């Protein structure tokens, strides 16, 4: 069974990498205590779609920190108006760093 949590880390851009790692380790321990295999659980969170050069750099760092902590899926949080250009930029400048 797959399960994802998009709430606990949704404001992740303000959470340091070690906190992500602590959170996912605690979550994995809890899973084991209740008889669940943590590997069967998809850890997911939201990720903002950047709209500026600095935001692109920040989101790359944020995504890298989340991936290092065990996050495997992202729900994109688009800018207001579902800006297609921003989504295309995300696909060009952020996604390739994590393939």
N, C-alpha and C. Protein backbone atom coordinates (compact mmCIF):
# COMPACT_ATOMS: atom_id res chain seq x y z
N UNK A 1 0.84 -1.18 0.00
CA UNK A 1 0.00 0.00 0.00
C UNK A 1 0.88 1.24 0.00
N UNK A 2 0.55 2.18 -0.84
CA UNK A 2 1.30 3.43 -0.91
C UNK A 2 0.51 4.52 -0.19
N UNK A 3 1.21 5.38 0.49
CA UNK A 3 0.60 6.46 1.24
C UNK A 3 1.53 7.66 1.15
N UNK A 4 1.00 8.83 1.09
CA UNK A 4 1.87 10.00 1.06
C UNK A 4 1.36 11.05 2.03
N UNK A 5 2.28 11.84 2.53
CA UNK A 5 1.96 12.91 3.46
C UNK A 5 2.41 14.21 2.83
N UNK A 6 1.47 15.08 2.49
CA UNK A 6 1.85 16.35 1.88
C UNK A 6 1.75 17.51 2.86
N UNK A 7 1.42 17.24 4.10
CA UNK A 7 1.22 18.34 5.04
C UNK A 7 2.43 18.64 5.92
N UNK A 8 3.10 17.63 6.39
CA UNK A 8 4.10 17.83 7.43
C UNK A 8 5.28 18.69 6.99
N UNK A 9 5.64 18.63 5.72
CA UNK A 9 6.81 19.37 5.28
C UNK A 9 6.46 20.44 4.25
N UNK A 10 5.20 20.80 4.15
CA UNK A 10 4.79 21.70 3.07
C UNK A 10 5.42 23.08 3.15
N UNK A 11 5.90 23.48 4.30
CA UNK A 11 6.59 24.77 4.38
C UNK A 11 8.09 24.54 4.46
N UNK A 12 8.55 23.49 3.81
CA UNK A 12 9.92 23.02 3.91
C UNK A 12 11.02 24.00 3.58
N UNK A 13 10.73 25.05 2.82
CA UNK A 13 11.81 25.96 2.47
C UNK A 13 12.42 26.61 3.70
N UNK A 14 11.74 26.55 4.84
CA UNK A 14 12.24 27.14 6.07
C UNK A 14 12.79 26.10 7.04
N UNK A 15 12.83 24.85 6.62
CA UNK A 15 13.28 23.77 7.49
C UNK A 15 14.67 23.33 7.07
N UNK A 16 15.64 23.32 7.97
CA UNK A 16 16.99 22.90 7.61
C UNK A 16 17.05 21.41 7.26
N UNK A 17 18.04 21.00 6.44
CA UNK A 17 18.15 19.60 5.99
C UNK A 17 18.16 18.60 7.13
N UNK A 18 18.83 18.90 8.22
CA UNK A 18 18.90 17.94 9.33
C UNK A 18 17.51 17.70 9.94
N UNK A 19 16.65 18.71 9.88
CA UNK A 19 15.29 18.54 10.39
C UNK A 19 14.49 17.60 9.50
N UNK A 20 14.65 17.72 8.17
CA UNK A 20 14.02 16.79 7.24
C UNK A 20 14.44 15.36 7.57
N UNK A 21 15.75 15.18 7.75
CA UNK A 21 16.27 13.84 8.01
C UNK A 21 15.73 13.29 9.33
N UNK A 22 15.67 14.13 10.35
CA UNK A 22 15.12 13.70 11.65
C UNK A 22 13.65 13.32 11.51
N UNK A 23 12.89 14.13 10.77
CA UNK A 23 11.48 13.86 10.56
C UNK A 23 11.27 12.52 9.87
N UNK A 24 11.98 12.29 8.77
CA UNK A 24 11.78 11.05 8.03
C UNK A 24 12.27 9.84 8.84
N UNK A 25 13.35 10.00 9.59
CA UNK A 25 13.82 8.90 10.44
C UNK A 25 12.80 8.57 11.52
N UNK A 26 12.22 9.59 12.14
CA UNK A 26 11.18 9.37 13.16
C UNK A 26 9.95 8.70 12.56
N UNK A 27 9.59 9.14 11.36
CA UNK A 27 8.44 8.56 10.68
C UNK A 27 8.70 7.08 10.37
N UNK A 28 9.90 6.78 9.88
CA UNK A 28 10.26 5.38 9.60
C UNK A 28 10.22 4.52 10.86
N UNK A 29 10.71 5.06 11.97
CA UNK A 29 10.66 4.34 13.25
C UNK A 29 9.21 4.06 13.66
N UNK A 30 8.37 5.06 13.52
CA UNK A 30 6.95 4.89 13.85
C UNK A 30 6.33 3.80 12.98
N UNK A 31 6.64 3.81 11.71
CA UNK A 31 6.12 2.77 10.81
C UNK A 31 6.51 1.38 11.30
N UNK A 32 7.78 1.21 11.62
CA UNK A 32 8.25 -0.10 12.10
C UNK A 32 7.54 -0.52 13.39
N UNK A 33 7.31 0.45 14.28
CA UNK A 33 6.63 0.13 15.55
C UNK A 33 5.21 -0.36 15.34
N UNK A 34 4.55 0.10 14.28
CA UNK A 34 3.18 -0.34 14.03
C UNK A 34 3.11 -1.45 12.98
N UNK A 35 4.29 -2.01 12.65
CA UNK A 35 4.32 -3.15 11.75
C UNK A 35 4.29 -2.82 10.27
N UNK A 36 4.62 -1.59 9.90
CA UNK A 36 4.65 -1.19 8.49
C UNK A 36 6.09 -1.10 8.00
N UNK A 37 6.29 -1.44 6.76
CA UNK A 37 7.60 -1.30 6.13
C UNK A 37 7.70 0.13 5.60
N UNK A 38 8.63 0.94 6.13
CA UNK A 38 8.74 2.33 5.68
C UNK A 38 9.01 2.46 4.18
N UNK A 39 9.64 1.46 3.59
CA UNK A 39 9.94 1.51 2.16
C UNK A 39 8.67 1.45 1.31
N UNK A 40 7.57 0.98 1.89
CA UNK A 40 6.31 0.90 1.16
C UNK A 40 5.54 2.21 1.17
N UNK A 41 6.04 3.18 1.91
CA UNK A 41 5.33 4.44 2.06
C UNK A 41 6.02 5.51 1.23
N UNK A 42 5.27 6.13 0.36
CA UNK A 42 5.80 7.22 -0.46
C UNK A 42 5.78 8.50 0.36
N UNK A 43 6.94 9.04 0.59
CA UNK A 43 7.03 10.30 1.32
C UNK A 43 6.97 11.43 0.30
N UNK A 44 6.00 12.31 0.47
CA UNK A 44 5.78 13.39 -0.49
C UNK A 44 5.50 14.69 0.23
N UNK A 45 5.73 15.77 -0.47
CA UNK A 45 5.42 17.10 0.06
C UNK A 45 5.21 18.05 -1.11
N UNK A 46 4.77 19.25 -0.81
CA UNK A 46 4.59 20.24 -1.87
C UNK A 46 5.90 20.96 -2.13
N UNK A 47 6.01 21.49 -3.33
CA UNK A 47 7.20 22.22 -3.74
C UNK A 47 6.73 23.42 -4.55
N UNK A 48 7.17 24.62 -4.18
CA UNK A 48 6.72 25.80 -4.93
C UNK A 48 7.38 25.85 -6.30
N UNK A 49 6.66 26.35 -7.28
CA UNK A 49 7.23 26.58 -8.61
C UNK A 49 7.86 27.97 -8.59
N UNK A 50 9.17 28.05 -8.84
CA UNK A 50 9.86 29.33 -8.75
C UNK A 50 9.50 30.28 -9.88
N UNK A 51 9.55 31.58 -9.58
CA UNK A 51 9.23 32.59 -10.59
C UNK A 51 10.37 33.59 -10.81
N UNK A 52 11.46 33.45 -10.06
CA UNK A 52 12.62 34.35 -10.22
C UNK A 52 13.89 33.52 -10.26
N UNK A 53 14.99 34.14 -10.70
CA UNK A 53 16.28 33.44 -10.74
C UNK A 53 16.68 32.92 -9.36
N UNK A 54 16.54 33.77 -8.34
CA UNK A 54 16.90 33.35 -6.98
C UNK A 54 16.00 32.22 -6.51
N UNK A 55 14.72 32.30 -6.83
CA UNK A 55 13.79 31.25 -6.42
C UNK A 55 14.13 29.92 -7.07
N UNK A 56 14.62 29.94 -8.31
CA UNK A 56 15.05 28.70 -8.97
C UNK A 56 16.17 28.06 -8.16
N UNK A 57 17.16 28.85 -7.77
CA UNK A 57 18.28 28.34 -6.95
C UNK A 57 17.78 27.81 -5.61
N UNK A 58 16.88 28.56 -4.98
CA UNK A 58 16.34 28.16 -3.68
C UNK A 58 15.56 26.85 -3.78
N UNK A 59 14.76 26.70 -4.82
CA UNK A 59 13.94 25.49 -4.98
C UNK A 59 14.83 24.29 -5.29
N UNK A 60 15.89 24.49 -6.08
CA UNK A 60 16.84 23.38 -6.31
C UNK A 60 17.44 22.90 -4.99
N UNK A 61 17.86 23.86 -4.16
CA UNK A 61 18.43 23.50 -2.86
C UNK A 61 17.39 22.81 -1.99
N UNK A 62 16.19 23.37 -1.94
CA UNK A 62 15.11 22.79 -1.15
C UNK A 62 14.81 21.37 -1.61
N UNK A 63 14.65 21.17 -2.90
CA UNK A 63 14.35 19.83 -3.42
C UNK A 63 15.47 18.86 -3.11
N UNK A 64 16.71 19.30 -3.26
CA UNK A 64 17.84 18.43 -2.94
C UNK A 64 17.85 18.02 -1.48
N UNK A 65 17.55 18.97 -0.59
CA UNK A 65 17.48 18.67 0.84
C UNK A 65 16.36 17.68 1.14
N UNK A 66 15.23 17.86 0.49
CA UNK A 66 14.09 16.96 0.71
C UNK A 66 14.41 15.55 0.20
N UNK A 67 15.01 15.47 -0.98
CA UNK A 67 15.37 14.16 -1.54
C UNK A 67 16.38 13.46 -0.64
N UNK A 68 17.37 14.20 -0.16
CA UNK A 68 18.37 13.62 0.74
C UNK A 68 17.73 13.09 2.03
N UNK A 69 16.61 13.68 2.41
CA UNK A 69 15.91 13.27 3.63
C UNK A 69 14.91 12.15 3.40
N UNK A 70 14.73 11.73 2.15
CA UNK A 70 13.84 10.61 1.89
C UNK A 70 12.55 10.95 1.17
N UNK A 71 12.34 12.22 0.84
CA UNK A 71 11.15 12.59 0.08
C UNK A 71 11.32 12.07 -1.34
N UNK A 72 10.29 11.43 -1.87
CA UNK A 72 10.39 10.82 -3.20
C UNK A 72 9.38 11.37 -4.20
N UNK A 73 8.39 12.10 -3.74
CA UNK A 73 7.39 12.66 -4.65
C UNK A 73 7.09 14.09 -4.25
N UNK A 74 6.83 14.90 -5.25
CA UNK A 74 6.49 16.30 -5.01
C UNK A 74 5.16 16.64 -5.67
N UNK A 75 4.38 17.44 -4.98
CA UNK A 75 3.17 18.02 -5.53
C UNK A 75 3.54 19.48 -5.78
N UNK A 76 3.48 19.90 -7.04
CA UNK A 76 3.88 21.26 -7.36
C UNK A 76 2.82 22.26 -6.91
N UNK A 77 3.30 23.34 -6.35
CA UNK A 77 2.45 24.43 -5.92
C UNK A 77 2.72 25.58 -6.89
N UNK A 78 1.88 25.71 -7.93
CA UNK A 78 2.14 26.72 -8.96
C UNK A 78 1.90 28.14 -8.46
N UNK A 79 2.50 29.10 -9.16
CA UNK A 79 2.26 30.50 -8.80
C UNK A 79 0.83 30.89 -9.14
N UNK A 80 0.36 32.01 -8.63
CA UNK A 80 -1.00 32.45 -8.94
C UNK A 80 -1.24 32.52 -10.45
N UNK A 81 -2.41 32.10 -10.85
CA UNK A 81 -2.77 32.13 -12.26
C UNK A 81 -2.24 30.95 -13.06
N UNK A 82 -1.63 29.97 -12.36
CA UNK A 82 -1.07 28.81 -13.05
C UNK A 82 -0.19 29.22 -14.22
N UNK A 83 0.77 30.06 -13.95
CA UNK A 83 1.69 30.64 -14.92
C UNK A 83 2.43 29.56 -15.71
N UNK A 84 2.04 29.36 -16.97
CA UNK A 84 2.63 28.32 -17.81
C UNK A 84 4.13 28.54 -18.02
N UNK A 85 4.55 29.77 -18.17
CA UNK A 85 5.97 30.06 -18.36
C UNK A 85 6.79 29.63 -17.14
N UNK A 86 6.25 29.86 -15.95
CA UNK A 86 6.95 29.45 -14.73
C UNK A 86 7.04 27.92 -14.64
N UNK A 87 5.98 27.23 -15.03
CA UNK A 87 6.00 25.76 -15.03
C UNK A 87 7.01 25.24 -16.05
N UNK A 88 7.08 25.86 -17.21
CA UNK A 88 8.06 25.45 -18.23
C UNK A 88 9.48 25.71 -17.75
N UNK A 89 9.68 26.83 -17.09
CA UNK A 89 11.01 27.13 -16.53
C UNK A 89 11.39 26.09 -15.47
N UNK A 90 10.43 25.74 -14.63
CA UNK A 90 10.66 24.70 -13.62
C UNK A 90 11.12 23.41 -14.30
N UNK A 91 10.43 23.04 -15.38
CA UNK A 91 10.78 21.81 -16.10
C UNK A 91 12.18 21.90 -16.71
N UNK A 92 12.58 23.06 -17.18
CA UNK A 92 13.89 23.24 -17.80
C UNK A 92 15.02 23.36 -16.80
N UNK A 93 14.78 24.10 -15.71
CA UNK A 93 15.89 24.51 -14.83
C UNK A 93 15.95 23.80 -13.49
N UNK A 94 14.88 23.14 -13.08
CA UNK A 94 14.89 22.46 -11.78
C UNK A 94 14.87 20.95 -11.96
N UNK A 95 13.93 20.45 -12.72
CA UNK A 95 13.75 19.00 -12.86
C UNK A 95 15.01 18.27 -13.32
N UNK A 96 15.73 18.77 -14.33
CA UNK A 96 16.92 18.02 -14.79
C UNK A 96 17.97 17.78 -13.71
N UNK A 97 18.01 18.63 -12.70
CA UNK A 97 18.99 18.46 -11.62
C UNK A 97 18.70 17.21 -10.78
N UNK A 98 17.51 16.63 -10.91
CA UNK A 98 17.12 15.53 -10.04
C UNK A 98 16.71 14.28 -10.81
N UNK A 99 17.09 14.18 -12.06
CA UNK A 99 16.77 12.97 -12.84
C UNK A 99 17.69 11.86 -12.50
